[in-house]
Amino acid sequence: MKDELFREQLKSLLIEYHLTLEALSHLTNISLLWFTEVLEKKSTLSALSDEQLLTLSLTIEMFRVGITAIKDDERVLTIMKLLIVECGLKLETFAAYANVPLEEVQLFLTHPEQVEVEVKYRLAVKVMFLFSLFKDSISLI
């Protein structure tokens, strides 16, 4: 990734998506000072290690493309399936925590477009919370 292209992508994230340099620094473990200096053209990508450069590239692509490229229903479904396969959670668990009928969870897995928005919301909130509890024990590779 060339420095000027990177600067433009970084500016885009800051302006279009209202991300902050602090958030990017926290997420990538790259110093806030480095981000500031890059924007001011006082530093370059060559100041980063290969590992930092890879992390930064993946992070930028995730924010630029990854977040908007996948439909919300598909994202929740994928995380639910991951929790089922990797952690042994049951559909009944999702239904109980989301306070929705089991049939609605089953319908969401097969035909998410037929599930009411309120049910999807309840499931999404609980799925994300469960994921936050289990994330350190899940093998994503």
N, C-alpha and C. Protein backbone atom coordinates (compact mmCIF):
# COMPACT_ATOMS: atom_id res chain seq x y z
N MET A 1 0.85 -1.17 0.00
CA MET A 1 0.00 0.00 0.00
C MET A 1 0.90 1.23 0.00
N LYS A 2 0.73 2.09 -0.95
CA LYS A 2 1.56 3.29 -1.04
C LYS A 2 1.07 4.34 -0.06
N ASP A 3 2.00 5.19 0.37
CA ASP A 3 1.69 6.19 1.40
C ASP A 3 0.53 7.11 1.02
N GLU A 4 0.54 7.61 -0.20
CA GLU A 4 -0.51 8.56 -0.59
C GLU A 4 -1.88 7.88 -0.66
N LEU A 5 -1.92 6.67 -1.20
CA LEU A 5 -3.18 5.91 -1.24
C LEU A 5 -3.67 5.64 0.18
N PHE A 6 -2.74 5.24 1.04
CA PHE A 6 -3.10 5.00 2.43
C PHE A 6 -3.67 6.26 3.08
N ARG A 7 -3.02 7.40 2.88
CA ARG A 7 -3.51 8.66 3.45
C ARG A 7 -4.94 8.95 2.99
N GLU A 8 -5.20 8.74 1.72
CA GLU A 8 -6.54 8.98 1.18
C GLU A 8 -7.56 8.03 1.80
N GLN A 9 -7.20 6.76 1.94
CA GLN A 9 -8.11 5.80 2.57
C GLN A 9 -8.35 6.15 4.04
N LEU A 10 -7.30 6.56 4.71
CA LEU A 10 -7.41 6.95 6.11
C LEU A 10 -8.32 8.18 6.25
N LYS A 11 -8.11 9.17 5.42
CA LYS A 11 -8.95 10.37 5.45
C LYS A 11 -10.41 10.00 5.18
N SER A 12 -10.63 9.09 4.27
CA SER A 12 -11.99 8.64 3.94
C SER A 12 -12.66 8.03 5.17
N LEU A 13 -11.93 7.18 5.89
CA LEU A 13 -12.50 6.58 7.09
C LEU A 13 -12.83 7.64 8.14
N LEU A 14 -11.96 8.61 8.26
CA LEU A 14 -12.17 9.66 9.25
C LEU A 14 -13.36 10.55 8.89
N ILE A 15 -13.49 10.87 7.62
CA ILE A 15 -14.53 11.80 7.19
C ILE A 15 -15.87 11.08 6.94
N GLU A 16 -15.86 10.05 6.13
CA GLU A 16 -17.11 9.38 5.74
C GLU A 16 -17.73 8.54 6.86
N TYR A 17 -16.88 7.87 7.63
CA TYR A 17 -17.39 6.96 8.65
C TYR A 17 -17.17 7.47 10.07
N HIS A 18 -16.59 8.66 10.19
CA HIS A 18 -16.41 9.32 11.49
C HIS A 18 -15.60 8.48 12.48
N LEU A 19 -14.69 7.67 11.96
CA LEU A 19 -13.78 6.96 12.85
C LEU A 19 -12.77 7.97 13.39
N THR A 20 -12.19 7.64 14.48
CA THR A 20 -11.18 8.53 15.05
C THR A 20 -9.81 7.85 14.97
N LEU A 21 -8.79 8.67 15.00
CA LEU A 21 -7.43 8.11 15.03
C LEU A 21 -7.22 7.31 16.31
N GLU A 22 -7.85 7.75 17.40
CA GLU A 22 -7.74 7.02 18.66
C GLU A 22 -8.30 5.61 18.53
N ALA A 23 -9.44 5.49 17.85
CA ALA A 23 -10.05 4.17 17.67
C ALA A 23 -9.17 3.27 16.80
N LEU A 24 -8.65 3.82 15.72
CA LEU A 24 -7.77 3.04 14.85
C LEU A 24 -6.49 2.64 15.58
N SER A 25 -5.96 3.54 16.38
CA SER A 25 -4.76 3.24 17.16
C SER A 25 -5.04 2.10 18.15
N HIS A 26 -6.16 2.20 18.81
CA HIS A 26 -6.54 1.17 19.78
C HIS A 26 -6.73 -0.19 19.10
N LEU A 27 -7.39 -0.19 17.98
CA LEU A 27 -7.69 -1.44 17.27
C LEU A 27 -6.45 -2.09 16.68
N THR A 28 -5.52 -1.30 16.18
CA THR A 28 -4.35 -1.83 15.50
C THR A 28 -3.11 -1.94 16.39
N ASN A 29 -3.16 -1.34 17.56
CA ASN A 29 -1.99 -1.26 18.44
C ASN A 29 -0.83 -0.51 17.78
N ILE A 30 -1.17 0.44 16.93
CA ILE A 30 -0.19 1.32 16.31
C ILE A 30 -0.38 2.69 16.97
N SER A 31 0.71 3.35 17.28
CA SER A 31 0.63 4.57 18.08
C SER A 31 -0.20 5.67 17.40
N LEU A 32 -0.89 6.39 18.23
CA LEU A 32 -1.68 7.54 17.77
C LEU A 32 -0.77 8.57 17.12
N LEU A 33 0.41 8.73 17.67
CA LEU A 33 1.37 9.68 17.11
C LEU A 33 1.72 9.31 15.67
N TRP A 34 1.91 8.03 15.39
CA TRP A 34 2.23 7.61 14.03
C TRP A 34 1.10 8.00 13.07
N PHE A 35 -0.14 7.73 13.44
CA PHE A 35 -1.28 8.09 12.58
C PHE A 35 -1.28 9.59 12.32
N THR A 36 -1.07 10.36 13.35
CA THR A 36 -1.04 11.82 13.20
C THR A 36 0.08 12.24 12.27
N GLU A 37 1.24 11.68 12.46
CA GLU A 37 2.38 12.04 11.61
C GLU A 37 2.17 11.62 10.15
N VAL A 38 1.53 10.51 9.93
CA VAL A 38 1.25 10.08 8.55
C VAL A 38 0.32 11.08 7.88
N LEU A 39 -0.69 11.51 8.57
CA LEU A 39 -1.61 12.50 7.99
C LEU A 39 -0.90 13.81 7.70
N GLU A 40 0.06 14.15 8.52
CA GLU A 40 0.83 15.39 8.34
C GLU A 40 2.02 15.19 7.39
N LYS A 41 2.14 13.99 6.84
CA LYS A 41 3.23 13.62 5.91
C LYS A 41 4.61 13.70 6.58
N LYS A 42 4.63 13.42 7.89
CA LYS A 42 5.88 13.41 8.63
C LYS A 42 6.39 11.99 8.86
N SER A 43 5.56 11.00 8.52
CA SER A 43 5.95 9.60 8.65
C SER A 43 5.36 8.83 7.48
N THR A 44 5.84 7.60 7.31
CA THR A 44 5.39 6.77 6.19
C THR A 44 5.08 5.36 6.67
N LEU A 45 4.55 4.59 5.77
CA LEU A 45 4.24 3.19 6.08
C LEU A 45 5.50 2.39 6.37
N SER A 46 6.62 2.82 5.85
CA SER A 46 7.88 2.09 6.06
C SER A 46 8.30 2.08 7.54
N ALA A 47 7.70 2.93 8.34
CA ALA A 47 8.01 2.97 9.77
C ALA A 47 7.37 1.81 10.53
N LEU A 48 6.47 1.08 9.87
CA LEU A 48 5.76 -0.02 10.52
C LEU A 48 6.45 -1.36 10.26
N SER A 49 6.28 -2.28 11.19
CA SER A 49 6.76 -3.64 10.98
C SER A 49 5.84 -4.33 9.98
N ASP A 50 6.27 -5.46 9.46
CA ASP A 50 5.43 -6.21 8.52
C ASP A 50 4.11 -6.61 9.18
N GLU A 51 4.18 -7.01 10.45
CA GLU A 51 2.97 -7.42 11.18
C GLU A 51 2.02 -6.24 11.35
N GLN A 52 2.55 -5.08 11.70
CA GLN A 52 1.71 -3.89 11.85
C GLN A 52 1.09 -3.49 10.52
N LEU A 53 1.86 -3.58 9.46
CA LEU A 53 1.37 -3.23 8.14
C LEU A 53 0.23 -4.15 7.71
N LEU A 54 0.38 -5.44 7.99
CA LEU A 54 -0.68 -6.39 7.66
C LEU A 54 -1.93 -6.10 8.48
N THR A 55 -1.77 -5.87 9.77
CA THR A 55 -2.90 -5.55 10.64
C THR A 55 -3.61 -4.29 10.15
N LEU A 56 -2.83 -3.29 9.81
CA LEU A 56 -3.39 -2.04 9.34
C LEU A 56 -4.14 -2.22 8.03
N SER A 57 -3.56 -2.94 7.11
CA SER A 57 -4.21 -3.19 5.81
C SER A 57 -5.53 -3.93 5.98
N LEU A 58 -5.53 -4.97 6.80
CA LEU A 58 -6.76 -5.74 7.05
C LEU A 58 -7.82 -4.88 7.74
N THR A 59 -7.39 -4.08 8.68
CA THR A 59 -8.32 -3.22 9.41
C THR A 59 -8.97 -2.21 8.47
N ILE A 60 -8.18 -1.59 7.64
CA ILE A 60 -8.72 -0.59 6.71
C ILE A 60 -9.69 -1.24 5.74
N GLU A 61 -9.35 -2.40 5.21
CA GLU A 61 -10.25 -3.07 4.27
C GLU A 61 -11.54 -3.51 4.97
N MET A 62 -11.43 -3.93 6.22
CA MET A 62 -12.63 -4.32 6.96
C MET A 62 -13.56 -3.13 7.12
N PHE A 63 -13.01 -1.98 7.46
CA PHE A 63 -13.83 -0.78 7.62
C PHE A 63 -14.34 -0.26 6.27
N ARG A 64 -13.53 -0.32 5.24
CA ARG A 64 -13.92 0.22 3.94
C ARG A 64 -14.92 -0.68 3.23
N VAL A 65 -14.73 -2.00 3.33
CA VAL A 65 -15.54 -2.91 2.54
C VAL A 65 -16.30 -3.92 3.39
N GLY A 66 -15.61 -4.53 4.33
CA GLY A 66 -16.17 -5.66 5.08
C GLY A 66 -17.44 -5.37 5.84
N ILE A 67 -17.52 -4.23 6.46
CA ILE A 67 -18.69 -3.92 7.28
C ILE A 67 -19.94 -3.77 6.43
N THR A 68 -19.81 -3.15 5.27
CA THR A 68 -20.99 -2.90 4.44
C THR A 68 -21.24 -3.98 3.40
N ALA A 69 -20.28 -4.85 3.15
CA ALA A 69 -20.41 -5.85 2.09
C ALA A 69 -21.32 -7.01 2.47
N ILE A 70 -21.45 -7.28 3.75
CA ILE A 70 -22.24 -8.43 4.20
C ILE A 70 -23.56 -7.93 4.78
N LYS A 71 -24.64 -8.56 4.36
CA LYS A 71 -25.96 -8.18 4.88
C LYS A 71 -26.02 -8.49 6.38
N ASP A 72 -26.75 -7.67 7.10
CA ASP A 72 -26.85 -7.82 8.55
C ASP A 72 -27.37 -9.20 8.95
N ASP A 73 -28.41 -9.68 8.26
CA ASP A 73 -28.95 -11.00 8.59
C ASP A 73 -27.88 -12.08 8.44
N GLU A 74 -27.12 -12.00 7.36
CA GLU A 74 -26.08 -12.99 7.11
C GLU A 74 -25.00 -12.94 8.18
N ARG A 75 -24.66 -11.75 8.63
CA ARG A 75 -23.65 -11.59 9.67
C ARG A 75 -24.12 -12.25 10.97
N VAL A 76 -25.35 -11.98 11.37
CA VAL A 76 -25.89 -12.57 12.60
C VAL A 76 -25.98 -14.09 12.46
N LEU A 77 -26.45 -14.56 11.30
CA LEU A 77 -26.54 -16.00 11.06
C LEU A 77 -25.17 -16.67 11.16
N THR A 78 -24.18 -16.07 10.59
CA THR A 78 -22.83 -16.64 10.61
C THR A 78 -22.31 -16.74 12.04
N ILE A 79 -22.55 -15.71 12.82
CA ILE A 79 -22.08 -15.72 14.21
C ILE A 79 -22.87 -16.76 15.02
N MET A 80 -24.16 -16.85 14.77
CA MET A 80 -24.97 -17.88 15.46
C MET A 80 -24.43 -19.27 15.15
N LYS A 81 -24.18 -19.53 13.88
CA LYS A 81 -23.68 -20.85 13.47
C LYS A 81 -22.31 -21.13 14.09
N LEU A 82 -21.49 -20.12 14.15
CA LEU A 82 -20.18 -20.26 14.79
C LEU A 82 -20.34 -20.62 16.26
N LEU A 83 -21.24 -19.95 16.95
CA LEU A 83 -21.48 -20.25 18.36
C LEU A 83 -22.06 -21.65 18.55
N ILE A 84 -22.86 -22.10 17.62
CA ILE A 84 -23.43 -23.45 17.70
C ILE A 84 -22.34 -24.50 17.49
N VAL A 85 -21.55 -24.33 16.43
CA VAL A 85 -20.53 -25.32 16.08
C VAL A 85 -19.36 -25.29 17.05
N GLU A 86 -18.83 -24.13 17.32
CA GLU A 86 -17.61 -24.02 18.12
C GLU A 86 -17.86 -24.11 19.63
N CYS A 87 -19.02 -23.64 20.07
CA CYS A 87 -19.25 -23.54 21.52
C CYS A 87 -20.35 -24.45 22.02
N GLY A 88 -21.04 -25.13 21.12
CA GLY A 88 -22.08 -26.06 21.53
C GLY A 88 -23.38 -25.40 21.99
N LEU A 89 -23.59 -24.14 21.63
CA LEU A 89 -24.85 -23.50 22.01
C LEU A 89 -26.00 -24.12 21.22
N LYS A 90 -27.18 -24.05 21.79
CA LYS A 90 -28.36 -24.62 21.15
C LYS A 90 -29.29 -23.49 20.70
N LEU A 91 -30.15 -23.80 19.77
CA LEU A 91 -31.13 -22.82 19.32
C LEU A 91 -32.00 -22.35 20.49
N GLU A 92 -32.26 -23.26 21.40
CA GLU A 92 -33.06 -22.92 22.58
C GLU A 92 -32.37 -21.83 23.42
N THR A 93 -31.05 -21.85 23.42
CA THR A 93 -30.30 -20.83 24.17
C THR A 93 -30.57 -19.44 23.58
N PHE A 94 -30.49 -19.34 22.26
CA PHE A 94 -30.75 -18.06 21.61
C PHE A 94 -32.19 -17.61 21.86
N ALA A 95 -33.11 -18.56 21.77
CA ALA A 95 -34.53 -18.23 21.98
C ALA A 95 -34.75 -17.74 23.41
N ALA A 96 -34.15 -18.42 24.36
CA ALA A 96 -34.34 -18.06 25.77
C ALA A 96 -33.77 -16.67 26.07
N TYR A 97 -32.55 -16.42 25.62
CA TYR A 97 -31.93 -15.12 25.91
C TYR A 97 -32.58 -13.98 25.16
N ALA A 98 -33.04 -14.24 23.94
CA ALA A 98 -33.69 -13.18 23.15
C ALA A 98 -35.17 -13.05 23.51
N ASN A 99 -35.67 -13.98 24.32
CA ASN A 99 -37.07 -13.98 24.71
C ASN A 99 -38.00 -14.00 23.49
N VAL A 100 -37.68 -14.93 22.59
CA VAL A 100 -38.51 -15.14 21.39
C VAL A 100 -38.80 -16.63 21.29
N PRO A 101 -39.89 -17.00 20.62
CA PRO A 101 -40.19 -18.42 20.46
C PRO A 101 -39.11 -19.16 19.66
N LEU A 102 -38.88 -20.40 20.01
CA LEU A 102 -37.90 -21.23 19.31
C LEU A 102 -38.20 -21.28 17.81
N GLU A 103 -39.46 -21.29 17.47
CA GLU A 103 -39.85 -21.34 16.06
C GLU A 103 -39.32 -20.13 15.29
N GLU A 104 -39.27 -18.98 15.95
CA GLU A 104 -38.75 -17.76 15.30
C GLU A 104 -37.25 -17.89 15.04
N VAL A 105 -36.53 -18.50 15.97
CA VAL A 105 -35.10 -18.72 15.79
C VAL A 105 -34.87 -19.69 14.62
N GLN A 106 -35.66 -20.75 14.60
CA GLN A 106 -35.55 -21.72 13.51
C GLN A 106 -35.87 -21.07 12.16
N LEU A 107 -36.89 -20.24 12.13
CA LEU A 107 -37.25 -19.53 10.90
C LEU A 107 -36.15 -18.58 10.48
N PHE A 108 -35.54 -17.90 11.44
CA PHE A 108 -34.46 -16.98 11.14
C PHE A 108 -33.29 -17.72 10.47
N LEU A 109 -33.01 -18.93 10.93
CA LEU A 109 -31.91 -19.70 10.35
C LEU A 109 -32.18 -20.12 8.91
N THR A 110 -33.43 -20.32 8.56
CA THR A 110 -33.74 -20.80 7.21
C THR A 110 -34.26 -19.72 6.28
N HIS A 111 -35.05 -18.80 6.82
CA HIS A 111 -35.66 -17.74 6.00
C HIS A 111 -35.67 -16.42 6.77
N PRO A 112 -34.51 -15.80 6.95
CA PRO A 112 -34.45 -14.58 7.76
C PRO A 112 -35.35 -13.46 7.25
N GLU A 113 -35.60 -13.44 5.97
CA GLU A 113 -36.45 -12.38 5.40
C GLU A 113 -37.90 -12.47 5.90
N GLN A 114 -38.29 -13.61 6.44
CA GLN A 114 -39.65 -13.80 6.92
C GLN A 114 -39.82 -13.48 8.41
N VAL A 115 -38.73 -13.12 9.06
CA VAL A 115 -38.77 -12.83 10.49
C VAL A 115 -38.94 -11.33 10.70
N GLU A 116 -39.79 -10.97 11.66
CA GLU A 116 -40.05 -9.56 11.96
C GLU A 116 -38.79 -8.86 12.45
N VAL A 117 -38.72 -7.59 12.16
CA VAL A 117 -37.55 -6.78 12.51
C VAL A 117 -37.28 -6.81 14.01
N GLU A 118 -38.32 -6.73 14.82
CA GLU A 118 -38.13 -6.75 16.28
C GLU A 118 -37.46 -8.04 16.74
N VAL A 119 -37.87 -9.17 16.17
CA VAL A 119 -37.27 -10.46 16.52
C VAL A 119 -35.81 -10.49 16.07
N LYS A 120 -35.55 -10.00 14.86
CA LYS A 120 -34.16 -9.94 14.38
C LYS A 120 -33.30 -9.10 15.31
N TYR A 121 -33.85 -7.98 15.73
CA TYR A 121 -33.11 -7.09 16.63
C TYR A 121 -32.79 -7.80 17.94
N ARG A 122 -33.78 -8.44 18.53
CA ARG A 122 -33.57 -9.13 19.80
C ARG A 122 -32.51 -10.22 19.65
N LEU A 123 -32.61 -10.98 18.55
CA LEU A 123 -31.62 -12.03 18.30
C LEU A 123 -30.23 -11.44 18.11
N ALA A 124 -30.14 -10.39 17.31
CA ALA A 124 -28.83 -9.78 17.02
C ALA A 124 -28.15 -9.30 18.30
N VAL A 125 -28.90 -8.64 19.15
CA VAL A 125 -28.33 -8.12 20.39
C VAL A 125 -27.81 -9.27 21.26
N LYS A 126 -28.59 -10.31 21.40
CA LYS A 126 -28.18 -11.42 22.26
C LYS A 126 -27.06 -12.23 21.63
N VAL A 127 -27.10 -12.41 20.31
CA VAL A 127 -26.03 -13.14 19.62
C VAL A 127 -24.71 -12.40 19.80
N MET A 128 -24.73 -11.09 19.65
CA MET A 128 -23.49 -10.33 19.80
C MET A 128 -22.98 -10.39 21.25
N PHE A 129 -23.89 -10.36 22.21
CA PHE A 129 -23.47 -10.47 23.60
C PHE A 129 -22.86 -11.85 23.86
N LEU A 130 -23.52 -12.90 23.38
CA LEU A 130 -22.98 -14.24 23.56
C LEU A 130 -21.62 -14.38 22.87
N PHE A 131 -21.51 -13.79 21.70
CA PHE A 131 -20.22 -13.84 21.00
C PHE A 131 -19.14 -13.16 21.82
N SER A 132 -19.47 -12.03 22.45
CA SER A 132 -18.47 -11.34 23.27
C SER A 132 -18.03 -12.20 24.44
N LEU A 133 -18.93 -13.03 24.96
CA LEU A 133 -18.56 -13.92 26.07
C LEU A 133 -17.65 -15.06 25.62
N PHE A 134 -17.91 -15.57 24.41
CA PHE A 134 -17.19 -16.75 23.93
C PHE A 134 -16.03 -16.45 22.99
N LYS A 135 -15.86 -15.22 22.58
CA LYS A 135 -14.91 -14.90 21.49
C LYS A 135 -13.49 -15.37 21.74
N ASP A 136 -13.03 -15.33 22.97
CA ASP A 136 -11.66 -15.73 23.25
C ASP A 136 -11.45 -17.25 23.15
N SER A 137 -12.54 -18.00 23.18
CA SER A 137 -12.41 -19.46 23.11
C SER A 137 -12.74 -20.01 21.71
N ILE A 138 -13.02 -19.11 20.76
CA ILE A 138 -13.39 -19.53 19.42
C ILE A 138 -12.18 -19.47 18.50
N SER A 139 -11.98 -20.54 17.76
CA SER A 139 -10.91 -20.57 16.77
C SER A 139 -11.47 -20.07 15.44
N LEU A 140 -11.03 -18.87 15.02
CA LEU A 140 -11.54 -18.29 13.79
C LEU A 140 -10.72 -18.69 12.56
N ILE A 141 -9.66 -19.43 12.75
CA ILE A 141 -8.83 -19.85 11.62
C ILE A 141 -9.01 -21.33 11.38
